[in-house]
Structures are given as structure tokens and as C-alpha cells.
Amino acid sequence: SAFGLGGCESYPRVFEPFGGFADDAPVEAGRVRLCERAGVGIEG
């Protein structure tokens, strides 16, 4: 998001709990919306 890259990899349901994104950030049409939690967002 910060550097305007083409996108990034995702590991749904593998390499848990490290892989994947915030619990309240579903994939929609191949995209994930950034959350506004402070920091990396591990708490989400």
C-alpha cells in the first residue's frame, strides 16, 4: 500500500497464524482493504 506496488501474496488457510490479513478485512474481487489500526495490525 505505502509504496504503490502491484499487489502482494496471500496465504489463505496456510502458514497460520502468520499468513493472512486482518480478520475484518475480507478479500473482495481479488483485493484487500487496508485497516486503520495502529502499527502492523497484529491486534486485528
ModelCIF file with pLDDT and N, C-alpha, C, O atoms, coordinates in Angstrom:
data_MODEL
#
_entry.id   MODEL 
#
_entity.id                         1 
_entity.type                       polymer 
_entity.pdbx_number_of_molecules   1 
#
_entity_poly.entity_id                      1 
_entity_poly.type                           'polypeptide(L)' 
_entity_poly.nstd_linkage                   no 
_entity_poly.nstd_monomer                   no 
_entity_poly.pdbx_seq_one_letter_code       SAFGLGGCESYPRVFEPFGGFADDAPVEAGRVRLCERAGVGIEG 
_entity_poly.pdbx_seq_one_letter_code_can   SAFGLGGCESYPRVFEPFGGFADDAPVEAGRVRLCERAGVGIEG 
_entity_poly.pdbx_strand_id                 A 
#
loop_
_entity_poly_seq.entity_id 
_entity_poly_seq.num 
_entity_poly_seq.mon_id 
_entity_poly_seq.hetero 
1 1  SER n 
1 2  ALA n 
1 3  PHE n 
1 4  GLY n 
1 5  LEU n 
1 6  GLY n 
1 7  GLY n 
1 8  CYS n 
1 9  GLU n 
1 10 SER n 
1 11 TYR n 
1 12 PRO n 
1 13 ARG n 
1 14 VAL n 
1 15 PHE n 
1 16 GLU n 
1 17 PRO n 
1 18 PHE n 
1 19 GLY n 
1 20 GLY n 
1 21 PHE n 
1 22 ALA n 
1 23 ASP n 
1 24 ASP n 
1 25 ALA n 
1 26 PRO n 
1 27 VAL n 
1 28 GLU n 
1 29 ALA n 
1 30 GLY n 
1 31 ARG n 
1 32 VAL n 
1 33 ARG n 
1 34 LEU n 
1 35 CYS n 
1 36 GLU n 
1 37 ARG n 
1 38 ALA n 
1 39 GLY n 
1 40 VAL n 
1 41 GLY n 
1 42 ILE n 
1 43 GLU n 
1 44 GLY n 
#
_struct_asym.id          A 
_struct_asym.entity_id   1 
#
loop_
_ma_qa_metric.id 
_ma_qa_metric.mode 
_ma_qa_metric.name 
_ma_qa_metric.software_group_id 
_ma_qa_metric.type 
1 global pLDDT . pLDDT 
2 local  pLDDT . pLDDT 
#
_ma_qa_metric_global.metric_id      1 
_ma_qa_metric_global.metric_value   95.52 
_ma_qa_metric_global.model_id       1 
_ma_qa_metric_global.ordinal_id     1 
#
loop_
_ma_qa_metric_local.label_asym_id 
_ma_qa_metric_local.label_comp_id 
_ma_qa_metric_local.label_seq_id 
_ma_qa_metric_local.metric_id 
_ma_qa_metric_local.metric_value 
_ma_qa_metric_local.model_id 
_ma_qa_metric_local.ordinal_id 
A SER 1  2 98.00 1 1  
A ALA 2  2 98.00 1 2  
A PHE 3  2 98.00 1 3  
A GLY 4  2 98.00 1 4  
A LEU 5  2 98.00 1 5  
A GLY 6  2 98.00 1 6  
A GLY 7  2 98.00 1 7  
A CYS 8  2 98.00 1 8  
A GLU 9  2 98.00 1 9  
A SER 10 2 97.00 1 10 
A TYR 11 2 94.00 1 11 
A PRO 12 2 91.00 1 12 
A ARG 13 2 82.00 1 13 
A VAL 14 2 85.00 1 14 
A PHE 15 2 88.00 1 15 
A GLU 16 2 87.00 1 16 
A PRO 17 2 92.00 1 17 
A PHE 18 2 93.00 1 18 
A GLY 19 2 92.00 1 19 
A GLY 20 2 93.00 1 20 
A PHE 21 2 96.00 1 21 
A ALA 22 2 96.00 1 22 
A ASP 23 2 96.00 1 23 
A ASP 24 2 96.00 1 24 
A ALA 25 2 95.00 1 25 
A PRO 26 2 96.00 1 26 
A VAL 27 2 97.00 1 27 
A GLU 28 2 98.00 1 28 
A ALA 29 2 97.00 1 29 
A GLY 30 2 98.00 1 30 
A ARG 31 2 98.00 1 31 
A VAL 32 2 98.00 1 32 
A ARG 33 2 98.00 1 33 
A LEU 34 2 97.00 1 34 
A CYS 35 2 96.00 1 35 
A GLU 36 2 96.00 1 36 
A ARG 37 2 97.00 1 37 
A ALA 38 2 98.00 1 38 
A GLY 39 2 98.00 1 39 
A VAL 40 2 98.00 1 40 
A GLY 41 2 97.00 1 41 
A ILE 42 2 97.00 1 42 
A GLU 43 2 97.00 1 43 
A GLY 44 2 97.00 1 44 
#
loop_
_atom_site.group_PDB 
_atom_site.id 
_atom_site.type_symbol 
_atom_site.label_atom_id 
_atom_site.label_alt_id 
_atom_site.label_comp_id 
_atom_site.label_asym_id 
_atom_site.label_entity_id 
_atom_site.label_seq_id 
_atom_site.pdbx_PDB_ins_code 
_atom_site.Cartn_x 
_atom_site.Cartn_y 
_atom_site.Cartn_z 
_atom_site.occupancy 
_atom_site.B_iso_or_equiv 
_atom_site.pdbx_formal_charge 
_atom_site.auth_seq_id 
_atom_site.auth_comp_id 
_atom_site.auth_asym_id 
_atom_site.auth_atom_id 
_atom_site.pdbx_PDB_model_num 
ATOM 1   N N  . SER A 1 1  ? 0.830   -1.211  0.000  1.00 98.00 ? 1  SER A N  1 
ATOM 2   C CA . SER A 1 1  ? 0.000   0.000   0.000  1.00 98.00 ? 1  SER A CA 1 
ATOM 3   C C  . SER A 1 1  ? 0.859   1.253   0.000  1.00 98.00 ? 1  SER A C  1 
ATOM 4   O O  . SER A 1 1  ? 0.627   2.165   -0.793 1.00 98.00 ? 1  SER A O  1 
ATOM 5   N N  . ALA A 1 2  ? 1.849   1.305   0.883  1.00 98.00 ? 2  ALA A N  1 
ATOM 6   C CA . ALA A 1 2  ? 2.657   2.519   1.057  1.00 98.00 ? 2  ALA A CA 1 
ATOM 7   C C  . ALA A 1 2  ? 3.457   2.862   -0.186 1.00 98.00 ? 2  ALA A C  1 
ATOM 8   O O  . ALA A 1 2  ? 3.565   4.035   -0.543 1.00 98.00 ? 2  ALA A O  1 
ATOM 9   N N  . PHE A 1 3  ? 4.022   1.857   -0.857 1.00 98.00 ? 3  PHE A N  1 
ATOM 10  C CA . PHE A 1 3  ? 4.925   2.104   -1.976 1.00 98.00 ? 3  PHE A CA 1 
ATOM 11  C C  . PHE A 1 3  ? 4.253   1.951   -3.345 1.00 98.00 ? 3  PHE A C  1 
ATOM 12  O O  . PHE A 1 3  ? 4.924   2.031   -4.374 1.00 98.00 ? 3  PHE A O  1 
ATOM 13  N N  . GLY A 1 4  ? 2.952   1.735   -3.364 1.00 98.00 ? 4  GLY A N  1 
ATOM 14  C CA . GLY A 1 4  ? 2.245   1.656   -4.634 1.00 98.00 ? 4  GLY A CA 1 
ATOM 15  C C  . GLY A 1 4  ? 2.632   0.455   -5.467 1.00 98.00 ? 4  GLY A C  1 
ATOM 16  O O  . GLY A 1 4  ? 2.785   0.568   -6.684 1.00 98.00 ? 4  GLY A O  1 
ATOM 17  N N  . LEU A 1 5  ? 2.796   -0.711  -4.823 1.00 98.00 ? 5  LEU A N  1 
ATOM 18  C CA . LEU A 1 5  ? 3.196   -1.911  -5.547 1.00 98.00 ? 5  LEU A CA 1 
ATOM 19  C C  . LEU A 1 5  ? 2.005   -2.501  -6.302 1.00 98.00 ? 5  LEU A C  1 
ATOM 20  O O  . LEU A 1 5  ? 0.859   -2.099  -6.096 1.00 98.00 ? 5  LEU A O  1 
ATOM 21  N N  . GLY A 1 6  ? 2.299   -3.464  -7.180 1.00 98.00 ? 6  GLY A N  1 
ATOM 22  C CA . GLY A 1 6  ? 1.231   -4.085  -7.951 1.00 98.00 ? 6  GLY A CA 1 
ATOM 23  C C  . GLY A 1 6  ? 0.276   -4.870  -7.097 1.00 98.00 ? 6  GLY A C  1 
ATOM 24  O O  . GLY A 1 6  ? -0.915  -4.948  -7.398 1.00 98.00 ? 6  GLY A O  1 
ATOM 25  N N  . GLY A 1 7  ? 0.789   -5.459  -6.020 1.00 98.00 ? 7  GLY A N  1 
ATOM 26  C CA . GLY A 1 7  ? -0.021  -6.260  -5.116 1.00 98.00 ? 7  GLY A CA 1 
ATOM 27  C C  . GLY A 1 7  ? 0.891   -7.044  -4.209 1.00 98.00 ? 7  GLY A C  1 
ATOM 28  O O  . GLY A 1 7  ? 2.075   -6.726  -4.094 1.00 98.00 ? 7  GLY A O  1 
ATOM 29  N N  . CYS A 1 8  ? 0.357   -8.079  -3.556 1.00 98.00 ? 8  CYS A N  1 
ATOM 30  C CA . CYS A 1 8  ? 1.203   -8.940  -2.729 1.00 98.00 ? 8  CYS A CA 1 
ATOM 31  C C  . CYS A 1 8  ? 0.581   -10.317 -2.607 1.00 98.00 ? 8  CYS A C  1 
ATOM 32  O O  . CYS A 1 8  ? -0.596  -10.525 -2.905 1.00 98.00 ? 8  CYS A O  1 
ATOM 33  N N  . GLU A 1 9  ? 1.400   -11.242 -2.163 1.00 98.00 ? 9  GLU A N  1 
ATOM 34  C CA . GLU A 1 9  ? 0.982   -12.618 -1.973 1.00 98.00 ? 9  GLU A CA 1 
ATOM 35  C C  . GLU A 1 9  ? 0.061   -12.724 -0.770 1.00 98.00 ? 9  GLU A C  1 
ATOM 36  O O  . GLU A 1 9  ? 0.075   -11.863 0.110  1.00 98.00 ? 9  GLU A O  1 
ATOM 37  N N  . SER A 1 10 ? -0.741  -13.783 -0.735 1.00 97.00 ? 10 SER A N  1 
ATOM 38  C CA . SER A 1 10 ? -1.587  -14.088 0.409  1.00 97.00 ? 10 SER A CA 1 
ATOM 39  C C  . SER A 1 10 ? -1.572  -15.590 0.631  1.00 97.00 ? 10 SER A C  1 
ATOM 40  O O  . SER A 1 10 ? -1.478  -16.362 -0.323 1.00 97.00 ? 10 SER A O  1 
ATOM 41  N N  . TYR A 1 11 ? -1.664  -16.006 1.888  1.00 94.00 ? 11 TYR A N  1 
ATOM 42  C CA . TYR A 1 11 ? -1.720  -17.432 2.223  1.00 94.00 ? 11 TYR A CA 1 
ATOM 43  C C  . TYR A 1 11 ? -3.011  -17.738 2.972  1.00 94.00 ? 11 TYR A C  1 
ATOM 44  O O  . TYR A 1 11 ? -2.992  -17.859 4.197  1.00 94.00 ? 11 TYR A O  1 
ATOM 45  N N  . PRO A 1 12 ? -4.121  -17.866 2.272  1.00 91.00 ? 12 PRO A N  1 
ATOM 46  C CA . PRO A 1 12 ? -5.358  -18.199 2.972  1.00 91.00 ? 12 PRO A CA 1 
ATOM 47  C C  . PRO A 1 12 ? -5.314  -19.624 3.513  1.00 91.00 ? 12 PRO A C  1 
ATOM 48  O O  . PRO A 1 12 ? -5.092  -20.581 2.771  1.00 91.00 ? 12 PRO A O  1 
ATOM 49  N N  . ARG A 1 13 ? -5.528  -19.741 4.808  1.00 82.00 ? 13 ARG A N  1 
ATOM 50  C CA . ARG A 1 13 ? -5.672  -21.053 5.461  1.00 82.00 ? 13 ARG A CA 1 
ATOM 51  C C  . ARG A 1 13 ? -4.383  -21.872 5.517  1.00 82.00 ? 13 ARG A C  1 
ATOM 52  O O  . ARG A 1 13 ? -4.434  -23.043 5.893  1.00 82.00 ? 13 ARG A O  1 
ATOM 53  N N  . VAL A 1 14 ? -3.237  -21.305 5.160  1.00 85.00 ? 14 VAL A N  1 
ATOM 54  C CA . VAL A 1 14 ? -1.963  -21.995 5.360  1.00 85.00 ? 14 VAL A CA 1 
ATOM 55  C C  . VAL A 1 14 ? -1.005  -21.036 6.063  1.00 85.00 ? 14 VAL A C  1 
ATOM 56  O O  . VAL A 1 14 ? -1.192  -19.820 6.042  1.00 85.00 ? 14 VAL A O  1 
ATOM 57  N N  . PHE A 1 15 ? 0.028   -21.615 6.689  1.00 88.00 ? 15 PHE A N  1 
ATOM 58  C CA . PHE A 1 15 ? 1.011   -20.851 7.458  1.00 88.00 ? 15 PHE A CA 1 
ATOM 59  C C  . PHE A 1 15 ? 0.351   -20.011 8.550  1.00 88.00 ? 15 PHE A C  1 
ATOM 60  O O  . PHE A 1 15 ? 0.842   -18.940 8.908  1.00 88.00 ? 15 PHE A O  1 
ATOM 61  N N  . GLU A 1 16 ? -0.746  -20.503 9.061  1.00 87.00 ? 16 GLU A N  1 
ATOM 62  C CA . GLU A 1 16 ? -1.408  -19.797 10.150 1.00 87.00 ? 16 GLU A CA 1 
ATOM 63  C C  . GLU A 1 16 ? -0.637  -20.009 11.454 1.00 87.00 ? 16 GLU A C  1 
ATOM 64  O O  . GLU A 1 16 ? -0.019  -21.054 11.655 1.00 87.00 ? 16 GLU A O  1 
ATOM 65  N N  . PRO A 1 17 ? -0.681  -18.994 12.349 1.00 92.00 ? 17 PRO A N  1 
ATOM 66  C CA . PRO A 1 17 ? -1.456  -17.764 12.238 1.00 92.00 ? 17 PRO A CA 1 
ATOM 67  C C  . PRO A 1 17 ? -0.705  -16.605 11.576 1.00 92.00 ? 17 PRO A C  1 
ATOM 68  O O  . PRO A 1 17 ? -1.193  -15.475 11.579 1.00 92.00 ? 17 PRO A O  1 
ATOM 69  N N  . PHE A 1 18 ? 0.484   -16.876 11.006 1.00 93.00 ? 18 PHE A N  1 
ATOM 70  C CA . PHE A 1 18 ? 1.308   -15.776 10.489 1.00 93.00 ? 18 PHE A CA 1 
ATOM 71  C C  . PHE A 1 18 ? 0.810   -15.275 9.135  1.00 93.00 ? 18 PHE A C  1 
ATOM 72  O O  . PHE A 1 18 ? 0.851   -14.075 8.864  1.00 93.00 ? 18 PHE A O  1 
ATOM 73  N N  . GLY A 1 19 ? 0.340   -16.188 8.286  1.00 92.00 ? 19 GLY A N  1 
ATOM 74  C CA . GLY A 1 19 ? -0.159  -15.779 6.995  1.00 92.00 ? 19 GLY A CA 1 
ATOM 75  C C  . GLY A 1 19 ? -1.532  -15.137 7.095  1.00 92.00 ? 19 GLY A C  1 
ATOM 76  O O  . GLY A 1 19 ? -2.267  -15.363 8.057  1.00 92.00 ? 19 GLY A O  1 
ATOM 77  N N  . GLY A 1 20 ? -1.865  -14.350 6.110  1.00 93.00 ? 20 GLY A N  1 
ATOM 78  C CA . GLY A 1 20 ? -3.188  -13.742 6.062  1.00 93.00 ? 20 GLY A CA 1 
ATOM 79  C C  . GLY A 1 20 ? -3.237  -12.357 6.671  1.00 93.00 ? 20 GLY A C  1 
ATOM 80  O O  . GLY A 1 20 ? -2.252  -11.853 7.210  1.00 93.00 ? 20 GLY A O  1 
ATOM 81  N N  . PHE A 1 21 ? -4.405  -11.759 6.570  1.00 96.00 ? 21 PHE A N  1 
ATOM 82  C CA . PHE A 1 21 ? -4.578  -10.355 6.941  1.00 96.00 ? 21 PHE A CA 1 
ATOM 83  C C  . PHE A 1 21 ? -5.581  -10.219 8.078  1.00 96.00 ? 21 PHE A C  1 
ATOM 84  O O  . PHE A 1 21 ? -5.941  -11.215 8.706  1.00 96.00 ? 21 PHE A O  1 
ATOM 85  N N  . ALA A 1 22 ? -6.030  -9.017  8.347  1.00 96.00 ? 22 ALA A N  1 
ATOM 86  C CA . ALA A 1 22 ? -6.910  -8.776  9.480  1.00 96.00 ? 22 ALA A CA 1 
ATOM 87  C C  . ALA A 1 22 ? -8.216  -9.563  9.342  1.00 96.00 ? 22 ALA A C  1 
ATOM 88  O O  . ALA A 1 22 ? -8.712  -9.787  8.238  1.00 96.00 ? 22 ALA A O  1 
ATOM 89  N N  . ASP A 1 23 ? -8.749  -9.968  10.474 1.00 96.00 ? 23 ASP A N  1 
ATOM 90  C CA . ASP A 1 23 ? -9.975  -10.757 10.465 1.00 96.00 ? 23 ASP A CA 1 
ATOM 91  C C  . ASP A 1 23 ? -11.150 -9.995  9.856  1.00 96.00 ? 23 ASP A C  1 
ATOM 92  O O  . ASP A 1 23 ? -12.068 -10.600 9.303  1.00 96.00 ? 23 ASP A O  1 
ATOM 93  N N  . ASP A 1 24 ? -11.119 -8.672  9.958  1.00 96.00 ? 24 ASP A N  1 
ATOM 94  C CA . ASP A 1 24 ? -12.219 -7.867  9.435  1.00 96.00 ? 24 ASP A CA 1 
ATOM 95  C C  . ASP A 1 24 ? -11.876 -7.223  8.085  1.00 96.00 ? 24 ASP A C  1 
ATOM 96  O O  . ASP A 1 24 ? -12.450 -6.199  7.715  1.00 96.00 ? 24 ASP A O  1 
ATOM 97  N N  . ALA A 1 25 ? -10.928 -7.838  7.350  1.00 95.00 ? 25 ALA A N  1 
ATOM 98  C CA . ALA A 1 25 ? -10.547 -7.329  6.029  1.00 95.00 ? 25 ALA A CA 1 
ATOM 99  C C  . ALA A 1 25 ? -10.710 -8.438  5.001  1.00 95.00 ? 25 ALA A C  1 
ATOM 100 O O  . ALA A 1 25 ? -9.721  -9.055  4.605  1.00 95.00 ? 25 ALA A O  1 
ATOM 101 N N  . PRO A 1 26 ? -11.945 -8.705  4.558  1.00 96.00 ? 26 PRO A N  1 
ATOM 102 C CA . PRO A 1 26 ? -12.162 -9.779  3.592  1.00 96.00 ? 26 PRO A CA 1 
ATOM 103 C C  . PRO A 1 26 ? -11.597 -9.430  2.221  1.00 96.00 ? 26 PRO A C  1 
ATOM 104 O O  . PRO A 1 26 ? -11.405 -8.260  1.889  1.00 96.00 ? 26 PRO A O  1 
ATOM 105 N N  . VAL A 1 27 ? -11.337 -10.461 1.441  1.00 97.00 ? 27 VAL A N  1 
ATOM 106 C CA . VAL A 1 27 ? -10.916 -10.275 0.054  1.00 97.00 ? 27 VAL A CA 1 
ATOM 107 C C  . VAL A 1 27 ? -12.164 -10.014 -0.787 1.00 97.00 ? 27 VAL A C  1 
ATOM 108 O O  . VAL A 1 27 ? -13.120 -10.789 -0.749 1.00 97.00 ? 27 VAL A O  1 
ATOM 109 N N  . GLU A 1 28 ? -12.148 -8.941  -1.529 1.00 98.00 ? 28 GLU A N  1 
ATOM 110 C CA . GLU A 1 28 ? -13.271 -8.594  -2.388 1.00 98.00 ? 28 GLU A CA 1 
ATOM 111 C C  . GLU A 1 28 ? -12.764 -8.345  -3.797 1.00 98.00 ? 28 GLU A C  1 
ATOM 112 O O  . GLU A 1 28 ? -11.998 -7.413  -4.042 1.00 98.00 ? 28 GLU A O  1 
ATOM 113 N N  . ALA A 1 29 ? -13.202 -9.192  -4.723 1.00 97.00 ? 29 ALA A N  1 
ATOM 114 C CA . ALA A 1 29 ? -12.772 -9.095  -6.125 1.00 97.00 ? 29 ALA A CA 1 
ATOM 115 C C  . ALA A 1 29 ? -11.253 -9.051  -6.239 1.00 97.00 ? 29 ALA A C  1 
ATOM 116 O O  . ALA A 1 29 ? -10.696 -8.290  -7.031 1.00 97.00 ? 29 ALA A O  1 
ATOM 117 N N  . GLY A 1 30 ? -10.595 -9.879  -5.435 1.00 98.00 ? 30 GLY A N  1 
ATOM 118 C CA . GLY A 1 30 ? -9.140  -10.001 -5.529 1.00 98.00 ? 30 GLY A CA 1 
ATOM 119 C C  . GLY A 1 30 ? -8.360  -8.896  -4.856 1.00 98.00 ? 30 GLY A C  1 
ATOM 120 O O  . GLY A 1 30 ? -7.164  -8.747  -5.107 1.00 98.00 ? 30 GLY A O  1 
ATOM 121 N N  . ARG A 1 31 ? -9.014  -8.111  -4.000 1.00 98.00 ? 31 ARG A N  1 
ATOM 122 C CA . ARG A 1 31 ? -8.331  -7.001  -3.341 1.00 98.00 ? 31 ARG A CA 1 
ATOM 123 C C  . ARG A 1 31 ? -8.663  -7.014  -1.848 1.00 98.00 ? 31 ARG A C  1 
ATOM 124 O O  . ARG A 1 31 ? -9.712  -7.506  -1.433 1.00 98.00 ? 31 ARG A O  1 
ATOM 125 N N  . VAL A 1 32 ? -7.741  -6.458  -1.048 1.00 98.00 ? 32 VAL A N  1 
ATOM 126 C CA . VAL A 1 32 ? -7.936  -6.335  0.394  1.00 98.00 ? 32 VAL A CA 1 
ATOM 127 C C  . VAL A 1 32 ? -7.821  -4.870  0.780  1.00 98.00 ? 32 VAL A C  1 
ATOM 128 O O  . VAL A 1 32 ? -6.899  -4.176  0.352  1.00 98.00 ? 32 VAL A O  1 
ATOM 129 N N  . ARG A 1 33 ? -8.747  -4.411  1.577  1.00 98.00 ? 33 ARG A N  1 
ATOM 130 C CA . ARG A 1 33 ? -8.736  -3.031  2.037  1.00 98.00 ? 33 ARG A CA 1 
ATOM 131 C C  . ARG A 1 33 ? -7.830  -2.915  3.267  1.00 98.00 ? 33 ARG A C  1 
ATOM 132 O O  . ARG A 1 33 ? -7.858  -3.774  4.148  1.00 98.00 ? 33 ARG A O  1 
ATOM 133 N N  . LEU A 1 34 ? -7.034  -1.859  3.319  1.00 97.00 ? 34 LEU A N  1 
ATOM 134 C CA . LEU A 1 34 ? -6.143  -1.620  4.453  1.00 97.00 ? 34 LEU A CA 1 
ATOM 135 C C  . LEU A 1 34 ? -6.954  -1.172  5.669  1.00 97.00 ? 34 LEU A C  1 
ATOM 136 O O  . LEU A 1 34 ? -7.913  -0.410  5.547  1.00 97.00 ? 34 LEU A O  1 
ATOM 137 N N  . CYS A 1 35 ? -6.550  -1.658  6.834  1.00 96.00 ? 35 CYS A N  1 
ATOM 138 C CA . CYS A 1 35 ? -7.195  -1.268  8.084  1.00 96.00 ? 35 CYS A CA 1 
ATOM 139 C C  . CYS A 1 35 ? -6.472  -0.068  8.692  1.00 96.00 ? 35 CYS A C  1 
ATOM 140 O O  . CYS A 1 35 ? -5.338  0.237   8.322  1.00 96.00 ? 35 CYS A O  1 
ATOM 141 N N  . GLU A 1 36 ? -7.128  0.600   9.614  1.00 96.00 ? 36 GLU A N  1 
ATOM 142 C CA . GLU A 1 36 ? -6.560  1.798   10.227 1.00 96.00 ? 36 GLU A CA 1 
ATOM 143 C C  . GLU A 1 36 ? -6.037  1.557   11.638 1.00 96.00 ? 36 GLU A C  1 
ATOM 144 O O  . GLU A 1 36 ? -5.788  2.515   12.369 1.00 96.00 ? 36 GLU A O  1 
ATOM 145 N N  . ARG A 1 37 ? -5.864  0.292   12.038 1.00 97.00 ? 37 ARG A N  1 
ATOM 146 C CA . ARG A 1 37 ? -5.265  0.020   13.348 1.00 97.00 ? 37 ARG A CA 1 
ATOM 147 C C  . ARG A 1 37 ? -3.817  0.512   13.359 1.00 97.00 ? 37 ARG A C  1 
ATOM 148 O O  . ARG A 1 37 ? -3.105  0.421   12.359 1.00 97.00 ? 37 ARG A O  1 
ATOM 149 N N  . ALA A 1 38 ? -3.411  1.022   14.488 1.00 98.00 ? 38 ALA A N  1 
ATOM 150 C CA . ALA A 1 38 ? -2.033  1.497   14.607 1.00 98.00 ? 38 ALA A CA 1 
ATOM 151 C C  . ALA A 1 38 ? -1.062  0.325   14.502 1.00 98.00 ? 38 ALA A C  1 
ATOM 152 O O  . ALA A 1 38 ? -1.338  -0.780  14.969 1.00 98.00 ? 38 ALA A O  1 
ATOM 153 N N  . GLY A 1 39 ? 0.076   0.596   13.880 1.00 98.00 ? 39 GLY A N  1 
ATOM 154 C CA . GLY A 1 39 ? 1.114   -0.408  13.752 1.00 98.00 ? 39 GLY A CA 1 
ATOM 155 C C  . GLY A 1 39 ? 0.874   -1.372  12.608 1.00 98.00 ? 39 GLY A C  1 
ATOM 156 O O  . GLY A 1 39 ? 0.148   -1.066  11.662 1.00 98.00 ? 39 GLY A O  1 
ATOM 157 N N  . VAL A 1 40 ? 1.492   -2.541  12.705 1.00 98.00 ? 40 VAL A N  1 
ATOM 158 C CA . VAL A 1 40 ? 1.352   -3.574  11.677 1.00 98.00 ? 40 VAL A CA 1 
ATOM 159 C C  . VAL A 1 40 ? -0.089  -4.069  11.614 1.00 98.00 ? 40 VAL A C  1 
ATOM 160 O O  . VAL A 1 40 ? -0.573  -4.425  10.540 1.00 98.00 ? 40 VAL A O  1 
ATOM 161 N N  . GLY A 1 41 ? -0.771  -4.095  12.742 1.00 97.00 ? 41 GLY A N  1 
ATOM 162 C CA . GLY A 1 41 ? -2.160  -4.535  12.784 1.00 97.00 ? 41 GLY A CA 1 
ATOM 163 C C  . GLY A 1 41 ? -2.349  -5.935  13.314 1.00 97.00 ? 41 GLY A C  1 
ATOM 164 O O  . GLY A 1 41 ? -3.400  -6.542  13.106 1.00 97.00 ? 41 GLY A O  1 
ATOM 165 N N  . ILE A 1 42 ? -1.334  -6.463  14.005 1.00 97.00 ? 42 ILE A N  1 
ATOM 166 C CA . ILE A 1 42 ? -1.413  -7.821  14.546 1.00 97.00 ? 42 ILE A CA 1 
ATOM 167 C C  . ILE A 1 42 ? -2.605  -7.984  15.477 1.00 97.00 ? 42 ILE A C  1 
ATOM 168 O O  . ILE A 1 42 ? -3.188  -9.065  15.564 1.00 97.00 ? 42 ILE A O  1 
ATOM 169 N N  . GLU A 1 43 ? -2.964  -6.922  16.167 1.00 97.00 ? 43 GLU A N  1 
ATOM 170 C CA . GLU A 1 43 ? -4.077  -6.988  17.100 1.00 97.00 ? 43 GLU A CA 1 
ATOM 171 C C  . GLU A 1 43 ? -5.405  -7.255  16.387 1.00 97.00 ? 43 GLU A C  1 
ATOM 172 O O  . GLU A 1 43 ? -6.374  -7.668  17.024 1.00 97.00 ? 43 GLU A O  1 
ATOM 173 N N  . GLY A 1 44 ? -5.458  -7.026  15.086 1.00 97.00 ? 44 GLY A N  1 
ATOM 174 C CA . GLY A 1 44 ? -6.662  -7.288  14.314 1.00 97.00 ? 44 GLY A CA 1 
ATOM 175 C C  . GLY A 1 44 ? -6.737  -8.692  13.753 1.00 97.00 ? 44 GLY A C  1 
ATOM 176 O O  . GLY A 1 44 ? -7.709  -9.037  13.080 1.00 97.00 ? 44 GLY A O  1 
#
